[in-house]
Each structure stands twice: as C-alpha cells, then as structure tokens.
Amino acid sequence: MPTSPRTIVLASRSPRRRALAESEGWIVRVVEPPEEAEAAEGPIRPGESLGDYVVRLAWAKARAVAAEVPEGLLVACDTVSEVAGEILGKPADEADARRMLERLSGRRHRVMTGTCVWPRPEGEPVFAATESELEMKPLSHDLIDGYLASGLWRGKAGACGYQDEAIPLELRAGSGSNVVGLPLETLRDIFSRITRQP
C-alpha cells in the first residue's frame, strides 16, 4: 500500500469501486464513462480469451473519458463472471438477474476484471487481467426472490455482490477485491511499476 495517498481518476459508475479505492488511502476523482462505451465493443470475439475481452472493455472506458482527463492517473476496470463457458455481465432487468442466479446456484464460477491504468497525458497505458474463483451454494427460490426484491443485484456482474453477504458465495481462489470490481493487488503492482519508471 502506498505510504501516502495517490490521486487517481476513476472511470467508473460504481460506488463500490470508488469505496475500495478510497479504502487504500487514494484520493479519488470519478469521471463516469457512458454506458455506450462498453456496449460499442460488442460481445466476446471468436478466439478472444476472457482476459483479453475484459481488458478491451476497460480500455474502451478509459478512451471514452480521456478527453476529460488531460492529466492524471486514469484507472478503468471492467468485470464479468463466467460459468461453464457463458459470460455473465450486468443483468438487463430482474428476469435476467433471476436467470443468472439460477445459472450460478450450486456451482463454481470465474470472475475476471480487466484493468487499464493510463498516466495522462504522455504515459503509455498499462493493462492487466485478474481472475478469481467463487463457489455459490445452492439457492432456494425464497432466497432468490428476496435478493431480487432487495435490488442489490443491479449493476453487478452475474447479478450478485460478493460484498453484500446476502448470497452464499465463497472465495476459492484469487482476490476478493477483484470480485467486487477493483483488483487492489493488481493496481498496487501497476502503480509501483509506474513509479519506478525513469
């Protein structure tokens, strides 16, 4: 962890990402990327790995706000879940969220976050993909109904939030902060490498 706060510009609409960044002592300025930035990238491409896909989405977010960040350390992330070959992004509506929860119930799945750190205006962007593995316990219909009614599924990859503790999720491998959407270990490593550059 940095010995003093580092100011970052976070290209995100997620209050969870901002809270995680601030928990590190970083001073955070938020610039919200338009939703169209991700949508324009389309689905995963034939032959594209999940890691490359999420990095591409993070890069799209960074590019979308770059004009508003003439200088500073721009950070963009994008997170998806994957179970049995199916990619689960943010649910479109409650019915989509229910489908995702039923798909994940009782199974292991991967969570992958693409990260772009772009020192503006002259630095080269640095990219990384961070993977975690989760196991979800079987969900009852009542639990799913209650979780959907809570609205906690909104805006979350796979329709569930590890940090909510309202769904029985167990971290099997990797980083918990990555599951929330901001892989702190990855960011610390990138920041340290950028700082050491001449």
N, C-alpha and C. Protein backbone atom coordinates (compact mmCIF):
# COMPACT_ATOMS: atom_id res chain seq x y z
N MET A 1 0.85 -1.20 0.00
CA MET A 1 0.00 0.00 0.00
C MET A 1 0.88 1.25 0.00
N PRO A 2 0.53 2.28 -0.80
CA PRO A 2 1.34 3.48 -0.83
C PRO A 2 1.46 4.12 0.55
N THR A 3 2.63 4.72 0.83
CA THR A 3 2.82 5.36 2.13
C THR A 3 2.07 6.68 2.22
N SER A 4 1.71 7.26 1.08
CA SER A 4 0.92 8.49 1.07
C SER A 4 -0.14 8.38 -0.02
N PRO A 5 -1.24 9.11 0.12
CA PRO A 5 -2.30 8.99 -0.87
C PRO A 5 -1.82 9.36 -2.26
N ARG A 6 -2.30 8.62 -3.23
CA ARG A 6 -2.05 8.90 -4.64
C ARG A 6 -3.38 9.29 -5.26
N THR A 7 -3.39 10.40 -5.96
CA THR A 7 -4.62 10.84 -6.61
C THR A 7 -4.83 10.04 -7.88
N ILE A 8 -6.01 9.47 -8.04
CA ILE A 8 -6.35 8.74 -9.25
C ILE A 8 -7.66 9.28 -9.81
N VAL A 9 -7.82 9.12 -11.11
CA VAL A 9 -9.08 9.45 -11.77
C VAL A 9 -9.73 8.12 -12.14
N LEU A 10 -10.87 7.82 -11.56
CA LEU A 10 -11.53 6.54 -11.73
C LEU A 10 -12.64 6.65 -12.76
N ALA A 11 -12.47 5.95 -13.88
CA ALA A 11 -13.50 5.93 -14.92
C ALA A 11 -14.51 4.85 -14.57
N SER A 12 -15.51 5.21 -13.78
CA SER A 12 -16.44 4.20 -13.27
C SER A 12 -17.74 4.83 -12.82
N ARG A 13 -18.81 4.06 -12.93
CA ARG A 13 -20.10 4.47 -12.37
C ARG A 13 -20.38 3.71 -11.08
N SER A 14 -19.43 2.91 -10.61
CA SER A 14 -19.66 2.02 -9.48
C SER A 14 -19.23 2.66 -8.15
N PRO A 15 -20.18 2.84 -7.22
CA PRO A 15 -19.79 3.34 -5.90
C PRO A 15 -18.91 2.34 -5.15
N ARG A 16 -19.01 1.04 -5.49
CA ARG A 16 -18.19 0.04 -4.81
C ARG A 16 -16.73 0.18 -5.20
N ARG A 17 -16.47 0.46 -6.47
CA ARG A 17 -15.08 0.68 -6.90
C ARG A 17 -14.49 1.92 -6.20
N ARG A 18 -15.28 2.98 -6.15
CA ARG A 18 -14.78 4.20 -5.50
C ARG A 18 -14.46 3.94 -4.03
N ALA A 19 -15.36 3.24 -3.33
CA ALA A 19 -15.15 2.96 -1.92
C ALA A 19 -13.88 2.12 -1.69
N LEU A 20 -13.66 1.15 -2.56
CA LEU A 20 -12.45 0.33 -2.43
C LEU A 20 -11.20 1.17 -2.65
N ALA A 21 -11.22 2.02 -3.66
CA ALA A 21 -10.05 2.88 -3.93
C ALA A 21 -9.78 3.81 -2.75
N GLU A 22 -10.83 4.39 -2.21
CA GLU A 22 -10.65 5.30 -1.07
C GLU A 22 -10.18 4.56 0.17
N SER A 23 -10.54 3.27 0.29
CA SER A 23 -10.07 2.49 1.44
C SER A 23 -8.56 2.29 1.42
N GLU A 24 -7.95 2.46 0.25
CA GLU A 24 -6.49 2.36 0.12
C GLU A 24 -5.79 3.66 0.48
N GLY A 25 -6.56 4.71 0.74
CA GLY A 25 -5.96 6.00 1.02
C GLY A 25 -5.74 6.85 -0.21
N TRP A 26 -6.23 6.37 -1.37
CA TRP A 26 -6.07 7.15 -2.59
C TRP A 26 -7.13 8.24 -2.65
N ILE A 27 -6.74 9.40 -3.14
CA ILE A 27 -7.68 10.48 -3.39
C ILE A 27 -8.31 10.21 -4.76
N VAL A 28 -9.63 10.11 -4.79
CA VAL A 28 -10.31 9.63 -5.98
C VAL A 28 -11.18 10.71 -6.61
N ARG A 29 -10.92 10.97 -7.88
CA ARG A 29 -11.83 11.78 -8.69
C ARG A 29 -12.54 10.82 -9.64
N VAL A 30 -13.85 10.90 -9.70
CA VAL A 30 -14.63 10.00 -10.55
C VAL A 30 -15.08 10.72 -11.81
N VAL A 31 -14.86 10.08 -12.95
CA VAL A 31 -15.41 10.53 -14.23
C VAL A 31 -16.18 9.34 -14.79
N GLU A 32 -17.49 9.49 -14.90
CA GLU A 32 -18.33 8.36 -15.31
C GLU A 32 -18.29 8.18 -16.82
N PRO A 33 -17.88 6.98 -17.28
CA PRO A 33 -17.92 6.72 -18.72
C PRO A 33 -19.34 6.45 -19.17
N PRO A 34 -19.68 6.80 -20.40
CA PRO A 34 -21.02 6.48 -20.89
C PRO A 34 -21.19 4.97 -21.06
N GLU A 35 -22.40 4.49 -20.79
CA GLU A 35 -22.65 3.06 -20.95
C GLU A 35 -22.39 2.60 -22.38
N GLU A 36 -22.55 3.49 -23.32
CA GLU A 36 -22.34 3.14 -24.73
C GLU A 36 -20.90 2.72 -25.01
N ALA A 37 -19.96 3.17 -24.16
CA ALA A 37 -18.55 2.83 -24.39
C ALA A 37 -18.33 1.33 -24.35
N GLU A 38 -18.98 0.66 -23.38
CA GLU A 38 -18.86 -0.80 -23.29
C GLU A 38 -19.71 -1.48 -24.36
N ALA A 39 -20.94 -0.99 -24.54
CA ALA A 39 -21.85 -1.62 -25.48
C ALA A 39 -21.28 -1.62 -26.89
N ALA A 40 -20.54 -0.54 -27.23
CA ALA A 40 -20.00 -0.43 -28.58
C ALA A 40 -18.95 -1.50 -28.88
N GLU A 41 -18.36 -2.06 -27.82
CA GLU A 41 -17.33 -3.08 -28.01
C GLU A 41 -17.92 -4.44 -28.40
N GLY A 42 -19.22 -4.61 -28.14
CA GLY A 42 -19.87 -5.86 -28.52
C GLY A 42 -19.48 -7.02 -27.63
N PRO A 43 -19.91 -8.23 -27.98
CA PRO A 43 -19.62 -9.42 -27.18
C PRO A 43 -18.19 -9.90 -27.40
N ILE A 44 -17.84 -10.93 -26.70
CA ILE A 44 -16.52 -11.52 -26.88
C ILE A 44 -16.37 -12.01 -28.32
N ARG A 45 -15.18 -11.85 -28.86
CA ARG A 45 -14.94 -12.18 -30.26
C ARG A 45 -14.45 -13.62 -30.40
N PRO A 46 -14.67 -14.23 -31.55
CA PRO A 46 -14.18 -15.59 -31.75
C PRO A 46 -12.66 -15.67 -31.51
N GLY A 47 -12.26 -16.62 -30.67
CA GLY A 47 -10.85 -16.80 -30.38
C GLY A 47 -10.29 -15.87 -29.33
N GLU A 48 -11.09 -14.92 -28.85
CA GLU A 48 -10.64 -13.97 -27.84
C GLU A 48 -10.75 -14.59 -26.46
N SER A 49 -9.71 -14.48 -25.65
CA SER A 49 -9.76 -15.01 -24.29
C SER A 49 -10.61 -14.09 -23.42
N LEU A 50 -11.07 -14.63 -22.29
CA LEU A 50 -11.86 -13.82 -21.37
C LEU A 50 -11.03 -12.65 -20.84
N GLY A 51 -9.75 -12.91 -20.57
CA GLY A 51 -8.87 -11.84 -20.09
C GLY A 51 -8.73 -10.73 -21.11
N ASP A 52 -8.52 -11.09 -22.37
CA ASP A 52 -8.39 -10.08 -23.42
C ASP A 52 -9.70 -9.30 -23.59
N TYR A 53 -10.81 -10.00 -23.43
CA TYR A 53 -12.12 -9.35 -23.57
C TYR A 53 -12.33 -8.27 -22.51
N VAL A 54 -12.06 -8.59 -21.25
CA VAL A 54 -12.30 -7.59 -20.20
C VAL A 54 -11.29 -6.45 -20.27
N VAL A 55 -10.08 -6.73 -20.72
CA VAL A 55 -9.11 -5.66 -20.93
C VAL A 55 -9.61 -4.72 -22.03
N ARG A 56 -10.16 -5.29 -23.08
CA ARG A 56 -10.71 -4.47 -24.17
C ARG A 56 -11.84 -3.56 -23.66
N LEU A 57 -12.69 -4.09 -22.78
CA LEU A 57 -13.78 -3.28 -22.22
C LEU A 57 -13.23 -2.17 -21.32
N ALA A 58 -12.22 -2.48 -20.52
CA ALA A 58 -11.61 -1.46 -19.66
C ALA A 58 -10.96 -0.36 -20.49
N TRP A 59 -10.30 -0.74 -21.56
CA TRP A 59 -9.65 0.21 -22.45
C TRP A 59 -10.69 1.12 -23.11
N ALA A 60 -11.86 0.56 -23.45
CA ALA A 60 -12.94 1.37 -24.03
C ALA A 60 -13.41 2.43 -23.04
N LYS A 61 -13.54 2.06 -21.77
CA LYS A 61 -13.94 3.03 -20.75
C LYS A 61 -12.90 4.14 -20.62
N ALA A 62 -11.63 3.76 -20.60
CA ALA A 62 -10.56 4.75 -20.45
C ALA A 62 -10.57 5.73 -21.63
N ARG A 63 -10.68 5.20 -22.84
CA ARG A 63 -10.70 6.06 -24.03
C ARG A 63 -11.91 7.01 -24.01
N ALA A 64 -13.03 6.51 -23.49
CA ALA A 64 -14.27 7.30 -23.51
C ALA A 64 -14.18 8.55 -22.63
N VAL A 65 -13.34 8.52 -21.60
CA VAL A 65 -13.25 9.68 -20.70
C VAL A 65 -11.93 10.42 -20.84
N ALA A 66 -11.05 9.96 -21.70
CA ALA A 66 -9.69 10.53 -21.79
C ALA A 66 -9.71 12.03 -22.04
N ALA A 67 -10.66 12.50 -22.84
CA ALA A 67 -10.72 13.94 -23.14
C ALA A 67 -11.00 14.77 -21.89
N GLU A 68 -11.64 14.15 -20.89
CA GLU A 68 -11.93 14.85 -19.64
C GLU A 68 -10.81 14.73 -18.62
N VAL A 69 -9.76 13.99 -19.00
CA VAL A 69 -8.63 13.78 -18.08
C VAL A 69 -7.34 14.18 -18.80
N PRO A 70 -7.11 15.49 -18.98
CA PRO A 70 -5.91 15.91 -19.69
C PRO A 70 -4.63 15.53 -18.97
N GLU A 71 -4.70 15.38 -17.65
CA GLU A 71 -3.55 14.90 -16.90
C GLU A 71 -4.01 14.17 -15.66
N GLY A 72 -3.17 13.25 -15.20
CA GLY A 72 -3.51 12.46 -14.02
C GLY A 72 -3.40 10.97 -14.31
N LEU A 73 -3.64 10.19 -13.29
CA LEU A 73 -3.53 8.73 -13.40
C LEU A 73 -4.94 8.17 -13.59
N LEU A 74 -5.26 7.82 -14.82
CA LEU A 74 -6.60 7.35 -15.18
C LEU A 74 -6.69 5.84 -14.98
N VAL A 75 -7.69 5.40 -14.23
CA VAL A 75 -7.90 3.98 -13.95
C VAL A 75 -9.29 3.57 -14.42
N ALA A 76 -9.33 2.51 -15.21
CA ALA A 76 -10.62 1.97 -15.68
C ALA A 76 -10.61 0.46 -15.51
N CYS A 77 -11.74 -0.09 -15.07
CA CYS A 77 -11.86 -1.54 -14.88
C CYS A 77 -13.20 -2.02 -15.45
N ASP A 78 -13.23 -3.26 -15.86
CA ASP A 78 -14.49 -3.88 -16.25
C ASP A 78 -14.47 -5.34 -15.77
N THR A 79 -15.58 -5.78 -15.19
CA THR A 79 -15.64 -7.09 -14.55
C THR A 79 -16.79 -7.91 -15.14
N VAL A 80 -16.52 -9.18 -15.42
CA VAL A 80 -17.57 -10.11 -15.83
C VAL A 80 -17.40 -11.41 -15.06
N SER A 81 -18.49 -12.17 -15.00
CA SER A 81 -18.46 -13.53 -14.45
C SER A 81 -18.59 -14.52 -15.60
N GLU A 82 -18.07 -15.71 -15.38
CA GLU A 82 -18.17 -16.76 -16.40
C GLU A 82 -18.44 -18.10 -15.72
N VAL A 83 -19.45 -18.79 -16.21
CA VAL A 83 -19.78 -20.10 -15.68
C VAL A 83 -20.03 -21.05 -16.85
N ALA A 84 -19.29 -22.15 -16.88
CA ALA A 84 -19.46 -23.17 -17.92
C ALA A 84 -19.46 -22.58 -19.32
N GLY A 85 -18.58 -21.62 -19.55
CA GLY A 85 -18.44 -21.04 -20.88
C GLY A 85 -19.38 -19.89 -21.18
N GLU A 86 -20.31 -19.58 -20.29
CA GLU A 86 -21.24 -18.47 -20.52
C GLU A 86 -20.76 -17.23 -19.74
N ILE A 87 -20.65 -16.12 -20.44
CA ILE A 87 -20.23 -14.87 -19.81
C ILE A 87 -21.45 -14.15 -19.26
N LEU A 88 -21.36 -13.75 -18.00
CA LEU A 88 -22.45 -13.05 -17.33
C LEU A 88 -21.98 -11.65 -16.99
N GLY A 89 -22.52 -10.67 -17.68
CA GLY A 89 -22.23 -9.28 -17.36
C GLY A 89 -23.27 -8.75 -16.40
N LYS A 90 -23.57 -7.46 -16.50
CA LYS A 90 -24.61 -6.87 -15.66
C LYS A 90 -25.98 -7.26 -16.22
N PRO A 91 -26.90 -7.66 -15.35
CA PRO A 91 -28.23 -8.07 -15.84
C PRO A 91 -28.99 -6.90 -16.43
N ALA A 92 -29.75 -7.20 -17.48
CA ALA A 92 -30.54 -6.16 -18.14
C ALA A 92 -31.76 -5.77 -17.32
N ASP A 93 -32.33 -6.74 -16.59
CA ASP A 93 -33.52 -6.49 -15.79
C ASP A 93 -33.64 -7.60 -14.75
N GLU A 94 -34.73 -7.59 -13.98
CA GLU A 94 -34.89 -8.56 -12.90
C GLU A 94 -34.99 -9.99 -13.42
N ALA A 95 -35.65 -10.17 -14.55
CA ALA A 95 -35.77 -11.51 -15.12
C ALA A 95 -34.40 -12.04 -15.53
N ASP A 96 -33.57 -11.18 -16.08
CA ASP A 96 -32.22 -11.57 -16.47
C ASP A 96 -31.39 -11.89 -15.22
N ALA A 97 -31.58 -11.10 -14.16
CA ALA A 97 -30.87 -11.36 -12.91
C ALA A 97 -31.27 -12.71 -12.33
N ARG A 98 -32.55 -13.05 -12.38
CA ARG A 98 -33.01 -14.35 -11.88
C ARG A 98 -32.36 -15.48 -12.67
N ARG A 99 -32.31 -15.32 -13.99
CA ARG A 99 -31.70 -16.35 -14.83
C ARG A 99 -30.23 -16.56 -14.44
N MET A 100 -29.52 -15.47 -14.20
CA MET A 100 -28.11 -15.57 -13.84
C MET A 100 -27.93 -16.26 -12.50
N LEU A 101 -28.73 -15.89 -11.52
CA LEU A 101 -28.62 -16.50 -10.19
C LEU A 101 -28.92 -18.00 -10.25
N GLU A 102 -29.93 -18.37 -11.01
CA GLU A 102 -30.27 -19.79 -11.16
C GLU A 102 -29.14 -20.54 -11.87
N ARG A 103 -28.46 -19.85 -12.79
CA ARG A 103 -27.34 -20.46 -13.52
C ARG A 103 -26.15 -20.70 -12.59
N LEU A 104 -25.93 -19.76 -11.67
CA LEU A 104 -24.77 -19.84 -10.76
C LEU A 104 -25.03 -20.73 -9.54
N SER A 105 -26.29 -20.93 -9.21
CA SER A 105 -26.66 -21.65 -7.98
C SER A 105 -25.99 -23.03 -7.92
N GLY A 106 -25.25 -23.25 -6.82
CA GLY A 106 -24.62 -24.55 -6.58
C GLY A 106 -23.39 -24.82 -7.43
N ARG A 107 -22.82 -23.80 -8.06
CA ARG A 107 -21.71 -24.02 -8.99
C ARG A 107 -20.52 -23.11 -8.68
N ARG A 108 -19.38 -23.52 -9.20
CA ARG A 108 -18.20 -22.66 -9.19
C ARG A 108 -18.21 -21.80 -10.45
N HIS A 109 -17.66 -20.58 -10.32
CA HIS A 109 -17.56 -19.72 -11.49
C HIS A 109 -16.35 -18.81 -11.35
N ARG A 110 -15.96 -18.23 -12.48
CA ARG A 110 -14.84 -17.32 -12.51
C ARG A 110 -15.33 -15.87 -12.54
N VAL A 111 -14.56 -15.00 -11.92
CA VAL A 111 -14.77 -13.56 -12.05
C VAL A 111 -13.48 -12.97 -12.60
N MET A 112 -13.59 -12.23 -13.69
CA MET A 112 -12.42 -11.66 -14.35
C MET A 112 -12.58 -10.15 -14.47
N THR A 113 -11.55 -9.43 -14.07
CA THR A 113 -11.55 -7.97 -14.20
C THR A 113 -10.40 -7.54 -15.10
N GLY A 114 -10.75 -6.74 -16.10
CA GLY A 114 -9.74 -6.09 -16.92
C GLY A 114 -9.43 -4.73 -16.34
N THR A 115 -8.15 -4.37 -16.28
CA THR A 115 -7.72 -3.10 -15.71
C THR A 115 -6.87 -2.33 -16.72
N CYS A 116 -7.12 -1.04 -16.81
CA CYS A 116 -6.30 -0.14 -17.61
C CYS A 116 -5.86 1.00 -16.70
N VAL A 117 -4.55 1.21 -16.58
CA VAL A 117 -4.00 2.36 -15.86
C VAL A 117 -3.25 3.20 -16.89
N TRP A 118 -3.69 4.44 -17.05
CA TRP A 118 -3.17 5.29 -18.13
C TRP A 118 -2.65 6.60 -17.55
N PRO A 119 -1.34 6.75 -17.42
CA PRO A 119 -0.78 8.02 -16.94
C PRO A 119 -0.92 9.09 -18.03
N ARG A 120 -1.79 10.05 -17.78
CA ARG A 120 -2.06 11.09 -18.76
C ARG A 120 -1.18 12.32 -18.50
N PRO A 121 -0.71 13.02 -19.52
CA PRO A 121 -1.09 12.86 -20.91
C PRO A 121 -0.12 12.02 -21.75
N GLU A 122 1.08 11.76 -21.26
CA GLU A 122 2.11 11.20 -22.13
C GLU A 122 2.47 9.76 -21.85
N GLY A 123 1.98 9.19 -20.76
CA GLY A 123 2.36 7.82 -20.43
C GLY A 123 1.63 6.80 -21.29
N GLU A 124 2.21 5.61 -21.36
CA GLU A 124 1.58 4.52 -22.09
C GLU A 124 0.61 3.77 -21.17
N PRO A 125 -0.56 3.39 -21.65
CA PRO A 125 -1.49 2.63 -20.80
C PRO A 125 -0.92 1.27 -20.45
N VAL A 126 -1.19 0.84 -19.22
CA VAL A 126 -0.77 -0.48 -18.72
C VAL A 126 -2.03 -1.31 -18.51
N PHE A 127 -2.01 -2.55 -19.00
CA PHE A 127 -3.20 -3.40 -18.93
C PHE A 127 -2.92 -4.65 -18.09
N ALA A 128 -3.97 -5.16 -17.47
CA ALA A 128 -3.87 -6.41 -16.73
C ALA A 128 -5.24 -7.07 -16.66
N ALA A 129 -5.24 -8.39 -16.53
CA ALA A 129 -6.47 -9.15 -16.30
C ALA A 129 -6.28 -9.96 -15.03
N THR A 130 -7.24 -9.87 -14.13
CA THR A 130 -7.15 -10.52 -12.82
C THR A 130 -8.31 -11.48 -12.66
N GLU A 131 -8.01 -12.71 -12.24
CA GLU A 131 -9.04 -13.75 -12.14
C GLU A 131 -9.21 -14.23 -10.70
N SER A 132 -10.45 -14.44 -10.32
CA SER A 132 -10.79 -15.07 -9.04
C SER A 132 -11.78 -16.19 -9.30
N GLU A 133 -11.86 -17.12 -8.35
CA GLU A 133 -12.82 -18.22 -8.47
C GLU A 133 -13.71 -18.24 -7.24
N LEU A 134 -15.01 -18.36 -7.49
CA LEU A 134 -16.01 -18.37 -6.43
C LEU A 134 -16.85 -19.63 -6.51
N GLU A 135 -17.39 -20.01 -5.38
CA GLU A 135 -18.37 -21.08 -5.35
C GLU A 135 -19.65 -20.56 -4.69
N MET A 136 -20.76 -20.77 -5.37
CA MET A 136 -22.04 -20.36 -4.81
C MET A 136 -22.78 -21.58 -4.30
N LYS A 137 -23.25 -21.48 -3.09
CA LYS A 137 -24.06 -22.56 -2.53
C LYS A 137 -25.41 -22.60 -3.25
N PRO A 138 -26.09 -23.72 -3.20
CA PRO A 138 -27.42 -23.79 -3.84
C PRO A 138 -28.37 -22.75 -3.25
N LEU A 139 -29.10 -22.08 -4.12
CA LEU A 139 -30.01 -21.03 -3.70
C LEU A 139 -31.45 -21.52 -3.74
N SER A 140 -32.19 -21.24 -2.69
CA SER A 140 -33.61 -21.57 -2.67
C SER A 140 -34.38 -20.51 -3.46
N HIS A 141 -35.60 -20.85 -3.86
CA HIS A 141 -36.44 -19.89 -4.57
C HIS A 141 -36.72 -18.68 -3.68
N ASP A 142 -36.93 -18.92 -2.39
CA ASP A 142 -37.22 -17.80 -1.48
C ASP A 142 -36.02 -16.87 -1.37
N LEU A 143 -34.81 -17.42 -1.31
CA LEU A 143 -33.62 -16.59 -1.21
C LEU A 143 -33.45 -15.74 -2.47
N ILE A 144 -33.66 -16.36 -3.63
CA ILE A 144 -33.56 -15.61 -4.89
C ILE A 144 -34.60 -14.51 -4.94
N ASP A 145 -35.84 -14.83 -4.55
CA ASP A 145 -36.91 -13.83 -4.56
C ASP A 145 -36.55 -12.64 -3.65
N GLY A 146 -36.05 -12.95 -2.46
CA GLY A 146 -35.70 -11.90 -1.51
C GLY A 146 -34.55 -11.04 -2.01
N TYR A 147 -33.56 -11.67 -2.61
CA TYR A 147 -32.41 -10.93 -3.12
C TYR A 147 -32.83 -10.02 -4.28
N LEU A 148 -33.67 -10.54 -5.16
CA LEU A 148 -34.13 -9.72 -6.27
C LEU A 148 -34.95 -8.54 -5.76
N ALA A 149 -35.78 -8.77 -4.76
CA ALA A 149 -36.60 -7.69 -4.20
C ALA A 149 -35.74 -6.61 -3.55
N SER A 150 -34.57 -7.00 -3.06
CA SER A 150 -33.69 -6.03 -2.39
C SER A 150 -33.06 -5.04 -3.37
N GLY A 151 -32.99 -5.42 -4.64
CA GLY A 151 -32.36 -4.56 -5.64
C GLY A 151 -30.85 -4.60 -5.63
N LEU A 152 -30.26 -5.42 -4.77
CA LEU A 152 -28.81 -5.47 -4.67
C LEU A 152 -28.13 -6.03 -5.93
N TRP A 153 -28.89 -6.68 -6.78
CA TRP A 153 -28.35 -7.28 -7.99
C TRP A 153 -28.03 -6.26 -9.07
N ARG A 154 -28.59 -5.09 -8.95
CA ARG A 154 -28.47 -4.10 -10.03
C ARG A 154 -27.01 -3.68 -10.23
N GLY A 155 -26.59 -3.66 -11.49
CA GLY A 155 -25.26 -3.16 -11.83
C GLY A 155 -24.11 -4.07 -11.48
N LYS A 156 -24.41 -5.35 -11.18
CA LYS A 156 -23.35 -6.27 -10.75
C LYS A 156 -23.22 -7.43 -11.72
N ALA A 157 -21.98 -7.71 -12.10
CA ALA A 157 -21.73 -8.84 -12.99
C ALA A 157 -22.23 -10.12 -12.34
N GLY A 158 -23.00 -10.89 -13.10
CA GLY A 158 -23.55 -12.13 -12.55
C GLY A 158 -24.71 -11.92 -11.62
N ALA A 159 -25.15 -10.67 -11.48
CA ALA A 159 -26.33 -10.30 -10.67
C ALA A 159 -26.15 -10.50 -9.18
N CYS A 160 -24.90 -10.66 -8.73
CA CYS A 160 -24.71 -10.85 -7.29
C CYS A 160 -23.46 -10.14 -6.81
N GLY A 161 -23.52 -9.66 -5.58
CA GLY A 161 -22.40 -8.93 -4.99
C GLY A 161 -21.75 -9.73 -3.88
N TYR A 162 -20.50 -10.05 -4.07
CA TYR A 162 -19.73 -10.78 -3.05
C TYR A 162 -19.71 -10.01 -1.74
N GLN A 163 -19.62 -8.67 -1.85
CA GLN A 163 -19.51 -7.83 -0.66
C GLN A 163 -20.82 -7.70 0.10
N ASP A 164 -21.94 -8.05 -0.53
CA ASP A 164 -23.25 -7.88 0.12
C ASP A 164 -23.48 -8.88 1.24
N GLU A 165 -22.85 -10.04 1.11
CA GLU A 165 -23.03 -11.15 2.06
C GLU A 165 -24.49 -11.58 2.16
N ALA A 166 -25.27 -11.29 1.11
CA ALA A 166 -26.67 -11.71 1.08
C ALA A 166 -26.85 -12.98 0.27
N ILE A 167 -25.82 -13.35 -0.47
CA ILE A 167 -25.81 -14.57 -1.27
C ILE A 167 -24.66 -15.43 -0.77
N PRO A 168 -24.87 -16.73 -0.57
CA PRO A 168 -23.80 -17.59 -0.04
C PRO A 168 -22.71 -17.86 -1.07
N LEU A 169 -21.72 -16.96 -1.11
CA LEU A 169 -20.59 -17.07 -2.03
C LEU A 169 -19.32 -17.30 -1.23
N GLU A 170 -18.50 -18.22 -1.70
CA GLU A 170 -17.22 -18.50 -1.04
C GLU A 170 -16.09 -18.30 -2.04
N LEU A 171 -15.11 -17.48 -1.62
CA LEU A 171 -13.95 -17.24 -2.47
C LEU A 171 -13.04 -18.46 -2.41
N ARG A 172 -12.82 -19.09 -3.54
CA ARG A 172 -11.99 -20.29 -3.62
C ARG A 172 -10.56 -19.99 -4.05
N ALA A 173 -10.38 -18.96 -4.85
CA ALA A 173 -9.04 -18.60 -5.31
C ALA A 173 -9.05 -17.16 -5.77
N GLY A 174 -7.92 -16.48 -5.58
CA GLY A 174 -7.78 -15.13 -6.07
C GLY A 174 -8.17 -14.06 -5.06
N SER A 175 -8.47 -12.90 -5.57
CA SER A 175 -8.65 -11.69 -4.79
C SER A 175 -10.11 -11.36 -4.57
N GLY A 176 -10.46 -11.04 -3.33
CA GLY A 176 -11.81 -10.60 -3.03
C GLY A 176 -12.12 -9.24 -3.62
N SER A 177 -11.14 -8.33 -3.62
CA SER A 177 -11.38 -7.01 -4.19
C SER A 177 -11.60 -7.10 -5.70
N ASN A 178 -10.97 -8.09 -6.34
CA ASN A 178 -11.21 -8.32 -7.76
C ASN A 178 -12.67 -8.68 -8.02
N VAL A 179 -13.24 -9.49 -7.13
CA VAL A 179 -14.63 -9.89 -7.28
C VAL A 179 -15.55 -8.67 -7.17
N VAL A 180 -15.19 -7.75 -6.30
CA VAL A 180 -16.00 -6.54 -6.14
C VAL A 180 -15.85 -5.62 -7.36
N GLY A 181 -14.73 -5.75 -8.08
CA GLY A 181 -14.58 -4.99 -9.31
C GLY A 181 -13.38 -4.08 -9.41
N LEU A 182 -12.54 -4.04 -8.34
CA LEU A 182 -11.34 -3.22 -8.37
C LEU A 182 -10.20 -4.04 -7.75
N PRO A 183 -9.42 -4.73 -8.56
CA PRO A 183 -8.38 -5.63 -8.03
C PRO A 183 -7.22 -4.84 -7.42
N LEU A 184 -7.28 -4.64 -6.11
CA LEU A 184 -6.32 -3.76 -5.44
C LEU A 184 -4.89 -4.25 -5.57
N GLU A 185 -4.70 -5.57 -5.48
CA GLU A 185 -3.33 -6.10 -5.58
C GLU A 185 -2.74 -5.78 -6.95
N THR A 186 -3.55 -5.93 -7.98
CA THR A 186 -3.10 -5.61 -9.34
C THR A 186 -2.77 -4.14 -9.47
N LEU A 187 -3.62 -3.27 -8.92
CA LEU A 187 -3.38 -1.84 -9.01
C LEU A 187 -2.11 -1.44 -8.25
N ARG A 188 -1.91 -2.00 -7.06
CA ARG A 188 -0.69 -1.69 -6.31
C ARG A 188 0.54 -2.04 -7.11
N ASP A 189 0.50 -3.20 -7.77
CA ASP A 189 1.64 -3.65 -8.57
C ASP A 189 1.88 -2.70 -9.75
N ILE A 190 0.81 -2.33 -10.46
CA ILE A 190 0.97 -1.42 -11.60
C ILE A 190 1.48 -0.06 -11.13
N PHE A 191 0.92 0.47 -10.04
CA PHE A 191 1.36 1.77 -9.53
C PHE A 191 2.84 1.75 -9.17
N SER A 192 3.27 0.66 -8.54
CA SER A 192 4.69 0.58 -8.14
C SER A 192 5.59 0.54 -9.36
N ARG A 193 5.16 -0.15 -10.41
CA ARG A 193 5.96 -0.21 -11.64
C ARG A 193 6.02 1.15 -12.33
N ILE A 194 4.88 1.85 -12.35
CA ILE A 194 4.86 3.18 -12.96
C ILE A 194 5.77 4.14 -12.18
N THR A 195 5.71 4.05 -10.87
CA THR A 195 6.51 4.94 -10.01
C THR A 195 8.00 4.72 -10.22
N ARG A 196 8.39 3.46 -10.48
CA ARG A 196 9.82 3.13 -10.66
C ARG A 196 10.35 3.51 -12.03
N GLN A 197 9.45 3.84 -12.97
CA GLN A 197 9.90 4.18 -14.31
C GLN A 197 10.66 5.51 -14.28
N PRO A 198 11.75 5.57 -15.08
CA PRO A 198 12.51 6.83 -15.11
C PRO A 198 11.71 7.96 -15.75
